[in-house]
PDB file of N, CA and C in Angstrom:
ATOM      1  N   MET A   1     -14.539  18.498 -37.665  1.00  0.00           N
ATOM      2  CA  MET A   1     -13.709  19.885 -37.657  1.00  0.00           C
ATOM      3  C   MET A   1     -13.192  19.866 -36.531  1.00  0.00           C
ATOM      4  N   THR A   2     -11.772  20.130 -36.351  1.00  0.00           N
ATOM      5  CA  THR A   2     -10.903  20.488 -35.251  1.00  0.00           C
ATOM      6  C   THR A   2     -10.350  21.781 -35.196  1.00  0.00           C
ATOM      7  N   ALA A   3     -10.199  22.246 -33.916  1.00  0.00           N
ATOM      8  CA  ALA A   3      -9.705  23.827 -33.885  1.00  0.00           C
ATOM      9  C   ALA A   3      -8.584  23.759 -32.856  1.00  0.00           C
ATOM     10  N   THR A   4      -7.695  24.592 -33.143  1.00  0.00           N
ATOM     11  CA  THR A   4      -6.642  24.733 -32.133  1.00  0.00           C
ATOM     12  C   THR A   4      -6.837  25.950 -31.081  1.00  0.00           C
ATOM     13  N   VAL A   5      -6.967  25.377 -29.868  1.00  0.00           N
ATOM     14  CA  VAL A   5      -7.185  26.647 -28.784  1.00  0.00           C
ATOM     15  C   VAL A   5      -5.870  26.960 -28.403  1.00  0.00           C
ATOM     16  N   LEU A   6      -5.908  28.335 -28.337  1.00  0.00           N
ATOM     17  CA  LEU A   6      -4.455  28.922 -27.743  1.00  0.00           C
ATOM     18  C   LEU A   6      -4.822  29.658 -26.495  1.00  0.00           C
ATOM     19  N   PRO A   7      -4.150  29.490 -25.535  1.00  0.00           N
ATOM     20  CA  PRO A   7      -3.969  30.235 -24.246  1.00  0.00           C
ATOM     21  C   PRO A   7      -4.028  31.839 -24.283  1.00  0.00           C
ATOM     22  N   PHE A   8      -4.491  32.526 -23.501  1.00  0.00           N
ATOM     23  CA  PHE A   8      -4.355  33.946 -23.525  1.00  0.00           C
ATOM     24  C   PHE A   8      -2.762  34.466 -23.498  1.00  0.00           C
ATOM     25  N   ARG A   9      -2.571  35.603 -24.177  1.00  0.00           N
ATOM     26  CA  ARG A   9      -1.243  35.998 -24.118  1.00  0.00           C
ATOM     27  C   ARG A   9      -0.724  36.163 -22.900  1.00  0.00           C
ATOM     28  N   PHE A  10       0.598  36.213 -22.662  1.00  0.00           N
ATOM     29  CA  PHE A  10       1.389  36.123 -21.481  1.00  0.00           C
ATOM     30  C   PHE A  10       1.173  37.418 -20.731  1.00  0.00           C
ATOM     31  N   ALA A  11       1.057  38.494 -21.618  1.00  0.00           N
ATOM     32  CA  ALA A  11       0.774  39.858 -21.125  1.00  0.00           C
ATOM     33  C   ALA A  11      -0.411  40.011 -20.320  1.00  0.00           C
ATOM     34  N   ARG A  12      -1.290  39.198 -20.699  1.00  0.00           N
ATOM     35  CA  ARG A  12      -2.555  39.480 -19.739  1.00  0.00           C
ATOM     36  C   ARG A  12      -2.410  38.704 -18.524  1.00  0.00           C
ATOM     37  N   ARG A  13      -1.350  37.994 -18.155  1.00  0.00           N
ATOM     38  CA  ARG A  13      -1.161  37.302 -16.917  1.00  0.00           C
ATOM     39  C   ARG A  13      -0.413  38.114 -16.173  1.00  0.00           C
ATOM     40  N   LEU A  14       0.335  39.121 -16.587  1.00  0.00           N
ATOM     41  CA  LEU A  14       1.179  39.916 -15.821  1.00  0.00           C
ATOM     42  C   LEU A  14       0.622  40.380 -14.566  1.00  0.00           C
ATOM     43  N   PRO A  15      -0.329  40.956 -14.414  1.00  0.00           N
ATOM     44  CA  PRO A  15      -0.985  41.285 -12.969  1.00  0.00           C
ATOM     45  C   PRO A  15      -1.186  40.056 -11.951  1.00  0.00           C
ATOM     46  N   GLN A  16      -1.479  39.002 -12.476  1.00  0.00           N
ATOM     47  CA  GLN A  16      -1.471  37.887 -11.546  1.00  0.00           C
ATOM     48  C   GLN A  16      -0.157  37.456 -11.349  1.00  0.00           C
ATOM     49  N   ILE A  17       0.794  37.484 -12.034  1.00  0.00           N
ATOM     50  CA  ILE A  17       2.112  37.154 -11.820  1.00  0.00           C
ATOM     51  C   ILE A  17       2.762  37.916 -10.803  1.00  0.00           C
ATOM     52  N   ARG A  18       2.500  39.204 -10.783  1.00  0.00           N
ATOM     53  CA  ARG A  18       2.848  39.999  -9.725  1.00  0.00           C
ATOM     54  C   ARG A  18       2.258  40.022  -8.400  1.00  0.00           C
ATOM     55  N   LYS A  19       1.037  39.658  -8.449  1.00  0.00           N
ATOM     56  CA  LYS A  19       0.169  39.324  -7.451  1.00  0.00           C
ATOM     57  C   LYS A  19       0.716  38.238  -6.547  1.00  0.00           C
ATOM     58  N   THR A  20       0.794  37.089  -7.324  1.00  0.00           N
ATOM     59  CA  THR A  20       1.380  35.943  -6.851  1.00  0.00           C
ATOM     60  C   THR A  20       2.700  35.961  -6.167  1.00  0.00           C
ATOM     61  N   ALA A  21       3.613  36.666  -6.853  1.00  0.00           N
ATOM     62  CA  ALA A  21       4.874  36.803  -6.263  1.00  0.00           C
ATOM     63  C   ALA A  21       4.934  37.623  -5.230  1.00  0.00           C
ATOM     64  N   GLY A  22       4.118  38.727  -5.313  1.00  0.00           N
ATOM     65  CA  GLY A  22       4.049  39.402  -3.949  1.00  0.00           C
ATOM     66  C   GLY A  22       3.459  38.872  -2.755  1.00  0.00           C
ATOM     67  N   TYR A  23       2.485  37.881  -3.143  1.00  0.00           N
ATOM     68  CA  TYR A  23       2.006  37.198  -1.850  1.00  0.00           C
ATOM     69  C   TYR A  23       2.968  36.213  -1.330  1.00  0.00           C
ATOM     70  N   MET A  24       3.717  35.495  -2.235  1.00  0.00           N
ATOM     71  CA  MET A  24       4.674  34.410  -2.048  1.00  0.00           C
ATOM     72  C   MET A  24       5.898  35.252  -0.960  1.00  0.00           C
ATOM     73  N   VAL A  25       6.352  36.314  -1.253  1.00  0.00           N
ATOM     74  CA  VAL A  25       7.381  37.041  -0.585  1.00  0.00           C
ATOM     75  C   VAL A  25       6.980  37.287   0.865  1.00  0.00           C
ATOM     76  N   SER A  26       5.691  37.288   1.049  1.00  0.00           N
ATOM     77  CA  SER A  26       5.085  38.007   2.363  1.00  0.00           C
ATOM     78  C   SER A  26       4.834  36.723   3.305  1.00  0.00           C
ATOM     79  N   VAL A  27       5.028  35.533   2.961  1.00  0.00           N
ATOM     80  CA  VAL A  27       4.471  34.249   3.714  1.00  0.00           C
ATOM     81  C   VAL A  27       5.579  33.522   3.881  1.00  0.00           C
ATOM     82  N   PRO A  28       5.661  32.609   4.791  1.00  0.00           N
ATOM     83  CA  PRO A  28       6.665  31.614   4.894  1.00  0.00           C
ATOM     84  C   PRO A  28       7.087  30.859   3.761  1.00  0.00           C
ATOM     85  N   ALA A  29       8.342  30.298   3.284  1.00  0.00           N
ATOM     86  CA  ALA A  29       8.546  29.511   2.195  1.00  0.00           C
ATOM     87  C   ALA A  29       7.691  28.277   1.955  1.00  0.00           C
ATOM     88  N   ASN A  30       7.411  27.509   3.024  1.00  0.00           N
ATOM     89  CA  ASN A  30       6.575  26.353   2.867  1.00  0.00           C
ATOM     90  C   ASN A  30       5.081  26.706   2.474  1.00  0.00           C
ATOM     91  N   HIS A  31       4.678  27.749   2.983  1.00  0.00           N
ATOM     92  CA  HIS A  31       3.045  28.365   2.492  1.00  0.00           C
ATOM     93  C   HIS A  31       3.237  28.901   1.128  1.00  0.00           C
ATOM     94  N   ALA A  32       4.381  29.660   0.818  1.00  0.00           N
ATOM     95  CA  ALA A  32       4.556  30.013  -0.600  1.00  0.00           C
ATOM     96  C   ALA A  32       4.598  29.123  -1.519  1.00  0.00           C
ATOM     97  N   GLU A  33       5.293  28.031  -1.514  1.00  0.00           N
ATOM     98  CA  GLU A  33       5.454  27.114  -2.465  1.00  0.00           C
ATOM     99  C   GLU A  33       3.847  26.274  -2.479  1.00  0.00           C
ATOM    100  N   GLY A  34       3.251  26.130  -1.426  1.00  0.00           N
ATOM    101  CA  GLY A  34       1.875  25.582  -1.407  1.00  0.00           C
ATOM    102  C   GLY A  34       0.920  26.376  -2.304  1.00  0.00           C
ATOM    103  N   HIS A  35       1.168  27.663  -2.042  1.00  0.00           N
ATOM    104  CA  HIS A  35       0.222  28.758  -2.941  1.00  0.00           C
ATOM    105  C   HIS A  35       0.564  28.682  -4.329  1.00  0.00           C
ATOM    106  N   LEU A  36       1.634  28.657  -4.472  1.00  0.00           N
ATOM    107  CA  LEU A  36       2.076  28.455  -6.062  1.00  0.00           C
ATOM    108  C   LEU A  36       1.609  27.267  -6.869  1.00  0.00           C
ATOM    109  N   ARG A  37       1.794  26.149  -5.909  1.00  0.00           N
ATOM    110  CA  ARG A  37       1.230  24.812  -6.540  1.00  0.00           C
ATOM    111  C   ARG A  37      -0.156  24.907  -6.587  1.00  0.00           C
ATOM    112  N   GLU A  38      -0.918  25.566  -5.855  1.00  0.00           N
ATOM    113  CA  GLU A  38      -2.398  25.704  -6.106  1.00  0.00           C
ATOM    114  C   GLU A  38      -2.809  26.780  -7.397  1.00  0.00           C
ATOM    115  N   GLN A  39      -2.068  27.654  -7.409  1.00  0.00           N
ATOM    116  CA  GLN A  39      -2.177  28.654  -8.622  1.00  0.00           C
ATOM    117  C   GLN A  39      -1.960  27.837  -9.978  1.00  0.00           C
ATOM    118  N   LEU A  40      -0.646  27.158 -10.088  1.00  0.00           N
ATOM    119  CA  LEU A  40      -0.426  26.384 -11.113  1.00  0.00           C
ATOM    120  C   LEU A  40      -1.456  25.211 -11.324  1.00  0.00           C
ATOM    121  N   ARG A  41      -2.103  24.679 -10.479  1.00  0.00           N
ATOM    122  CA  ARG A  41      -3.267  23.635 -10.661  1.00  0.00           C
ATOM    123  C   ARG A  41      -4.241  24.131 -11.092  1.00  0.00           C
ATOM    124  N   ARG A  42      -4.634  25.474 -10.549  1.00  0.00           N
ATOM    125  CA  ARG A  42      -5.894  26.238 -11.189  1.00  0.00           C
ATOM    126  C   ARG A  42      -5.693  26.609 -12.541  1.00  0.00           C
ATOM    127  N   LEU A  43      -4.455  26.974 -13.065  1.00  0.00           N
ATOM    128  CA  LEU A  43      -4.237  27.198 -14.504  1.00  0.00           C
ATOM    129  C   LEU A  43      -4.316  26.237 -15.423  1.00  0.00           C
ATOM    130  N   GLU A  44      -3.756  25.149 -14.789  1.00  0.00           N
ATOM    131  CA  GLU A  44      -3.757  23.816 -15.596  1.00  0.00           C
ATOM    132  C   GLU A  44      -5.239  23.288 -15.855  1.00  0.00           C
ATOM    133  N   ASP A  45      -6.102  23.384 -14.727  1.00  0.00           N
ATOM    134  CA  ASP A  45      -7.286  23.067 -14.799  1.00  0.00           C
ATOM    135  C   ASP A  45      -8.213  23.757 -15.715  1.00  0.00           C
ATOM    136  N   GLY A  46      -7.903  25.015 -15.744  1.00  0.00           N
ATOM    137  CA  GLY A  46      -8.801  26.076 -16.422  1.00  0.00           C
ATOM    138  C   GLY A  46      -8.335  25.734 -17.958  1.00  0.00           C
ATOM    139  N   LEU A  47      -7.062  25.648 -18.382  1.00  0.00           N
ATOM    140  CA  LEU A  47      -6.763  25.384 -19.686  1.00  0.00           C
ATOM    141  C   LEU A  47      -7.265  23.987 -20.089  1.00  0.00           C
ATOM    142  N   ARG A  48      -7.406  23.134 -19.251  1.00  0.00           N
ATOM    143  CA  ARG A  48      -7.868  21.895 -19.903  1.00  0.00           C
ATOM    144  C   ARG A  48      -9.334  21.904 -20.120  1.00  0.00           C
ATOM    145  N   LYS A  49      -9.997  22.568 -19.062  1.00  0.00           N
ATOM    146  CA  LYS A  49     -11.443  22.729 -19.607  1.00  0.00           C
ATOM    147  C   LYS A  49     -11.823  23.518 -20.892  1.00  0.00           C
ATOM    148  N   LYS A  50     -10.774  24.277 -21.162  1.00  0.00           N
ATOM    149  CA  LYS A  50     -10.966  24.913 -22.458  1.00  0.00           C
ATOM    150  C   LYS A  50     -10.605  24.323 -23.698  1.00  0.00           C
ATOM    151  N   GLY A  51     -10.060  22.968 -23.371  1.00  0.00           N
ATOM    152  CA  GLY A  51      -9.856  22.083 -24.529  1.00  0.00           C
ATOM    153  C   GLY A  51      -8.399  22.476 -25.020  1.00  0.00           C
ATOM    154  N   VAL A  52      -7.512  22.843 -24.281  1.00  0.00           N
ATOM    155  CA  VAL A  52      -5.926  23.110 -24.735  1.00  0.00           C
ATOM    156  C   VAL A  52      -5.295  21.921 -24.600  1.00  0.00           C
ATOM    157  N   ALA A  53      -4.403  21.579 -25.764  1.00  0.00           N
ATOM    158  CA  ALA A  53      -3.682  20.301 -25.864  1.00  0.00           C
ATOM    159  C   ALA A  53      -2.823  20.263 -24.576  1.00  0.00           C
ATOM    160  N   GLU A  54      -2.882  18.923 -24.264  1.00  0.00           N
ATOM    161  CA  GLU A  54      -1.626  18.736 -23.038  1.00  0.00           C
ATOM    162  C   GLU A  54      -0.381  19.286 -22.980  1.00  0.00           C
ATOM    163  N   LEU A  55       0.297  19.112 -24.221  1.00  0.00           N
ATOM    164  CA  LEU A  55       1.563  19.654 -24.388  1.00  0.00           C
ATOM    165  C   LEU A  55       1.693  21.113 -24.380  1.00  0.00           C
ATOM    166  N   LEU A  56       0.648  21.702 -24.857  1.00  0.00           N
ATOM    167  CA  LEU A  56       0.657  23.307 -24.609  1.00  0.00           C
ATOM    168  C   LEU A  56       0.346  23.527 -23.170  1.00  0.00           C
ATOM    169  N   ILE A  57      -0.327  22.728 -22.508  1.00  0.00           N
ATOM    170  CA  ILE A  57      -0.821  23.109 -21.185  1.00  0.00           C
ATOM    171  C   ILE A  57       0.586  23.072 -20.215  1.00  0.00           C
ATOM    172  N   ARG A  58       1.324  21.915 -20.608  1.00  0.00           N
ATOM    173  CA  ARG A  58       2.638  21.745 -19.702  1.00  0.00           C
ATOM    174  C   ARG A  58       3.501  22.984 -20.069  1.00  0.00           C
ATOM    175  N   SER A  59       3.536  23.423 -21.325  1.00  0.00           N
ATOM    176  CA  SER A  59       4.296  24.516 -21.735  1.00  0.00           C
ATOM    177  C   SER A  59       3.997  25.846 -20.970  1.00  0.00           C
ATOM    178  N   GLU A  60       2.669  26.031 -21.055  1.00  0.00           N
ATOM    179  CA  GLU A  60       2.023  27.400 -20.541  1.00  0.00           C
ATOM    180  C   GLU A  60       2.321  27.335 -18.921  1.00  0.00           C
ATOM    181  N   VAL A  61       1.925  26.372 -18.297  1.00  0.00           N
ATOM    182  CA  VAL A  61       2.306  25.965 -16.780  1.00  0.00           C
ATOM    183  C   VAL A  61       3.651  26.250 -16.522  1.00  0.00           C
ATOM    184  N   GLY A  62       4.467  25.768 -17.242  1.00  0.00           N
ATOM    185  CA  GLY A  62       5.963  25.842 -16.863  1.00  0.00           C
ATOM    186  C   GLY A  62       6.560  27.401 -17.164  1.00  0.00           C
ATOM    187  N   SER A  63       5.903  27.948 -18.392  1.00  0.00           N
ATOM    188  CA  SER A  63       6.352  29.322 -18.301  1.00  0.00           C
ATOM    189  C   SER A  63       5.640  30.334 -17.327  1.00  0.00           C
ATOM    190  N   TYR A  64       4.432  30.057 -16.966  1.00  0.00           N
ATOM    191  CA  TYR A  64       3.847  30.859 -16.004  1.00  0.00           C
ATOM    192  C   TYR A  64       4.711  30.590 -14.647  1.00  0.00           C
ATOM    193  N   GLU A  65       4.966  29.433 -14.260  1.00  0.00           N
ATOM    194  CA  GLU A  65       5.871  29.160 -13.006  1.00  0.00           C
ATOM    195  C   GLU A  65       7.147  29.879 -13.170  1.00  0.00           C
ATOM    196  N   GLY A  66       7.908  29.857 -14.341  1.00  0.00           N
ATOM    197  CA  GLY A  66       9.123  30.519 -14.318  1.00  0.00           C
ATOM    198  C   GLY A  66       8.850  31.792 -14.310  1.00  0.00           C
ATOM    199  N   ALA A  67       7.781  32.593 -14.930  1.00  0.00           N
ATOM    200  CA  ALA A  67       7.781  34.039 -14.702  1.00  0.00           C
ATOM    201  C   ALA A  67       7.472  34.472 -13.311  1.00  0.00           C
ATOM    202  N   ILE A  68       6.639  33.733 -12.521  1.00  0.00           N
ATOM    203  CA  ILE A  68       6.456  33.940 -11.138  1.00  0.00           C
ATOM    204  C   ILE A  68       7.652  34.008 -10.272  1.00  0.00           C
ATOM    205  N   ARG A  69       8.364  32.796 -10.557  1.00  0.00           N
ATOM    206  CA  ARG A  69       9.588  32.749  -9.752  1.00  0.00           C
ATOM    207  C   ARG A  69      10.803  33.827 -10.046  1.00  0.00           C
ATOM    208  N   ALA A  70      10.701  34.086 -11.281  1.00  0.00           N
ATOM    209  CA  ALA A  70      11.557  35.280 -11.700  1.00  0.00           C
ATOM    210  C   ALA A  70      11.205  36.525 -11.035  1.00  0.00           C
ATOM    211  N   HIS A  71       9.875  36.969 -10.997  1.00  0.00           N
ATOM    212  CA  HIS A  71       9.395  38.005 -10.305  1.00  0.00           C
ATOM    213  C   HIS A  71       9.764  38.063  -8.786  1.00  0.00           C
ATOM    214  N   LEU A  72       9.506  36.966  -8.428  1.00  0.00           N
ATOM    215  CA  LEU A  72       9.879  36.533  -6.961  1.00  0.00           C
ATOM    216  C   LEU A  72      11.240  37.000  -6.436  1.00  0.00           C
ATOM    217  N   TRP A  73      12.198  36.396  -7.462  1.00  0.00           N
ATOM    218  CA  TRP A  73      13.608  36.604  -7.212  1.00  0.00           C
ATOM    219  C   TRP A  73      13.835  38.296  -7.073  1.00  0.00           C
ATOM    220  N   ARG A  74      13.145  38.874  -8.243  1.00  0.00           N
ATOM    221  CA  ARG A  74      13.376  40.283  -8.290  1.00  0.00           C
ATOM    222  C   ARG A  74      12.843  40.919  -7.031  1.00  0.00           C
ATOM    223  N   LEU A  75      11.815  40.565  -6.549  1.00  0.00           N
ATOM    224  CA  LEU A  75      11.305  41.211  -5.124  1.00  0.00           C
ATOM    225  C   LEU A  75      12.132  40.855  -4.092  1.00  0.00           C
ATOM    226  N   LEU A  76      12.782  39.612  -3.953  1.00  0.00           N
ATOM    227  CA  LEU A  76      13.677  39.412  -2.632  1.00  0.00           C
ATOM    228  C   LEU A  76      14.903  40.056  -3.035  1.00  0.00           C
ATOM    229  N   ILE A  77      15.577  40.380  -4.194  1.00  0.00           N
ATOM    230  CA  ILE A  77      16.733  41.119  -4.233  1.00  0.00           C
ATOM    231  C   ILE A  77      16.559  42.565  -3.981  1.00  0.00           C
ATOM    232  N   SER A  78      15.337  43.138  -4.413  1.00  0.00           N
ATOM    233  CA  SER A  78      15.096  44.536  -4.350  1.00  0.00           C
ATOM    234  C   SER A  78      14.835  44.845  -2.981  1.00  0.00           C
ATOM    235  N   GLN A  79      14.331  43.907  -2.189  1.00  0.00           N
ATOM    236  CA  GLN A  79      14.119  44.079  -0.756  1.00  0.00           C
ATOM    237  C   GLN A  79      15.051  43.644   0.169  1.00  0.00           C
ATOM    238  N   GLY A  80      16.114  43.224  -0.454  1.00  0.00           N
ATOM    239  CA  GLY A  80      17.202  42.487   0.446  1.00  0.00           C
ATOM    240  C   GLY A  80      16.837  41.292   1.261  1.00  0.00           C
ATOM    241  N   GLY A  81      15.728  40.731   0.808  1.00  0.00           N
ATOM    242  CA  GLY A  81      15.316  39.485   1.510  1.00  0.00           C
ATOM    243  C   GLY A  81      16.226  38.250   1.063  1.00  0.00           C
ATOM    244  N   ALA A  82      16.067  37.397   2.052  1.00  0.00           N
ATOM    245  CA  ALA A  82      16.778  35.960   1.853  1.00  0.00           C
ATOM    246  C   ALA A  82      15.723  35.057   0.997  1.00  0.00           C
ATOM    247  N   ALA A  83      16.354  34.216   0.200  1.00  0.00           N
ATOM    248  CA  ALA A  83      15.722  33.384  -0.560  1.00  0.00           C
ATOM    249  C   ALA A  83      15.199  32.152   0.485  1.00  0.00           C
TER     250      ALA A  83
END
């Protein structure tokens, strides 16, 4: 018997998205990118351990990264910061 494992809903990740983007806006760009890569790696590893299909992992990680970057831009624009 096989089962399809679906990741958590996107809305449940919203606090982490805000936290990650908030941290990224407060550190130098190279450090922020390293932090984001680490967060994405952790998500990928966690999904893999739960048995999520590779195609879905790539989709989820891409969506998560896009959401973080979108929120980061919102923060930069609202604060008048430079990208």
